N, C-alpha and C. Protein backbone atom coordinates (compact mmCIF):
# COMPACT_ATOMS: atom_id res chain seq x y z
N UNK A 1 22.98 183.76 -19.84
CA UNK A 1 22.67 182.09 -19.91
C UNK A 1 21.38 181.64 -20.11
N UNK A 2 21.38 180.85 -20.80
CA UNK A 2 20.20 180.20 -21.45
C UNK A 2 19.43 179.36 -20.11
N UNK A 3 17.94 179.55 -20.42
CA UNK A 3 17.43 178.57 -19.11
C UNK A 3 16.53 177.53 -19.89
N UNK A 4 15.85 176.56 -19.25
CA UNK A 4 14.98 175.64 -19.92
C UNK A 4 13.96 176.33 -20.40
N UNK A 5 13.33 177.51 -20.02
CA UNK A 5 12.47 178.03 -20.79
C UNK A 5 12.61 178.66 -22.19
N UNK A 6 13.86 179.16 -22.04
CA UNK A 6 14.19 180.02 -23.15
C UNK A 6 14.58 178.81 -24.32
N UNK A 7 15.21 177.62 -23.76
CA UNK A 7 15.24 176.48 -24.60
C UNK A 7 14.07 176.10 -25.65
N UNK A 8 13.17 176.16 -24.56
CA UNK A 8 11.88 175.60 -25.12
C UNK A 8 11.03 176.48 -26.17
N UNK A 9 11.56 177.73 -26.02
CA UNK A 9 11.14 178.81 -26.94
C UNK A 9 11.74 178.56 -28.35
N UNK A 10 13.06 178.16 -28.24
CA UNK A 10 13.63 178.05 -29.39
C UNK A 10 13.20 176.77 -30.00
N UNK A 11 13.14 175.65 -29.50
CA UNK A 11 12.76 174.37 -29.98
C UNK A 11 11.52 174.38 -30.49
N UNK A 12 10.70 175.24 -29.94
CA UNK A 12 9.19 175.42 -30.63
C UNK A 12 9.07 176.46 -31.68
N UNK A 13 10.27 176.79 -31.74
CA UNK A 13 10.30 177.91 -33.02
C UNK A 13 9.02 178.95 -33.06
N UNK A 14 8.99 179.48 -31.88
CA UNK A 14 7.94 180.35 -31.81
C UNK A 14 8.24 181.65 -32.28
N UNK A 15 9.27 182.07 -32.37
CA UNK A 15 9.70 183.63 -33.03
C UNK A 15 9.89 183.33 -34.26
N UNK A 16 10.29 182.38 -34.70
CA UNK A 16 10.39 182.09 -36.18
C UNK A 16 9.16 181.94 -37.01
N UNK A 17 8.22 181.14 -36.22
CA UNK A 17 6.93 180.91 -36.58
C UNK A 17 6.12 182.23 -36.85
N UNK A 18 6.51 183.17 -35.81
CA UNK A 18 5.58 184.70 -35.90
C UNK A 18 6.03 185.28 -37.19
N UNK A 19 7.46 185.05 -37.47
CA UNK A 19 7.90 185.75 -38.90
C UNK A 19 7.01 185.34 -39.74
N UNK A 20 7.00 183.82 -40.00
CA UNK A 20 6.76 183.21 -40.85
C UNK A 20 5.00 183.40 -41.29
N UNK A 21 4.18 183.38 -40.03
CA UNK A 21 3.02 183.84 -40.22
C UNK A 21 2.58 185.18 -40.47
N UNK A 22 3.64 186.05 -40.54
CA UNK A 22 3.51 187.60 -40.96
C UNK A 22 3.89 187.41 -42.55
N UNK A 23 4.82 186.72 -42.80
CA UNK A 23 5.24 186.62 -44.27
C UNK A 23 4.25 186.12 -45.04
N UNK A 24 3.34 185.13 -44.52
CA UNK A 24 2.56 184.36 -45.23
C UNK A 24 1.20 185.17 -45.33
N UNK A 25 0.96 186.26 -44.68
CA UNK A 25 -0.22 187.09 -44.88
C UNK A 25 -0.82 187.43 -43.72
N UNK A 26 -0.80 186.82 -42.60
CA UNK A 26 -1.26 187.31 -41.50
C UNK A 26 -1.08 188.93 -41.08
N UNK A 27 -1.73 189.50 -40.73
CA UNK A 27 -1.49 190.91 -40.03
C UNK A 27 -0.25 190.89 -39.04
N UNK A 28 0.70 191.61 -39.23
CA UNK A 28 1.82 191.62 -37.99
C UNK A 28 1.22 191.57 -36.85
N UNK A 29 0.39 192.59 -36.46
CA UNK A 29 -0.20 192.72 -35.26
C UNK A 29 -0.76 191.47 -34.52
N UNK A 30 -1.36 190.62 -35.51
CA UNK A 30 -2.04 189.37 -35.17
C UNK A 30 -0.97 188.29 -34.74
N UNK A 31 0.38 188.32 -35.73
CA UNK A 31 1.19 187.44 -35.53
C UNK A 31 1.79 187.57 -34.28
N UNK A 32 2.17 188.63 -33.73
CA UNK A 32 2.71 189.14 -32.48
C UNK A 32 1.96 188.91 -31.48
N UNK A 33 0.43 189.07 -31.54
CA UNK A 33 -0.27 188.48 -30.57
C UNK A 33 -0.26 187.16 -30.18
N UNK A 34 -0.38 186.26 -31.29
CA UNK A 34 -0.09 184.83 -31.41
C UNK A 34 1.11 184.45 -30.67
N UNK A 35 2.60 184.96 -30.89
CA UNK A 35 3.71 184.75 -30.20
C UNK A 35 3.39 185.25 -28.60
N UNK A 36 2.86 186.09 -28.56
CA UNK A 36 2.63 186.64 -27.21
C UNK A 36 2.12 185.36 -26.31
N UNK A 37 0.97 184.93 -27.08
CA UNK A 37 0.25 183.94 -26.19
C UNK A 37 0.97 182.54 -26.21
N UNK A 38 1.65 182.31 -27.29
CA UNK A 38 2.75 181.17 -26.92
C UNK A 38 3.62 181.17 -25.93
N UNK A 39 4.40 182.42 -25.92
CA UNK A 39 5.40 183.04 -24.99
C UNK A 39 4.95 182.72 -23.41
N UNK A 40 3.48 183.19 -23.24
CA UNK A 40 2.79 183.20 -22.15
C UNK A 40 2.84 181.72 -21.52
N UNK A 41 2.42 180.95 -22.60
CA UNK A 41 2.23 179.29 -22.19
C UNK A 41 3.67 178.72 -21.59
N UNK A 42 4.63 179.46 -21.93
CA UNK A 42 5.84 178.99 -21.81
C UNK A 42 6.35 179.31 -20.50
N UNK A 43 6.42 180.75 -20.31
CA UNK A 43 6.97 181.48 -19.13
C UNK A 43 6.02 181.61 -17.82
N UNK A 44 4.59 181.45 -18.39
CA UNK A 44 3.66 181.56 -16.96
C UNK A 44 3.31 180.60 -16.30
């Protein structure tokens, strides 16, 4: 079941933006760190 927080993650395109950052040249590790920070803002 979807939760409010999960819906917020989808609405903010956090996972999609992580992939976009990596495709546009950001090192993959940095893109994952960015996404982790954004997810932490939502879930913590």
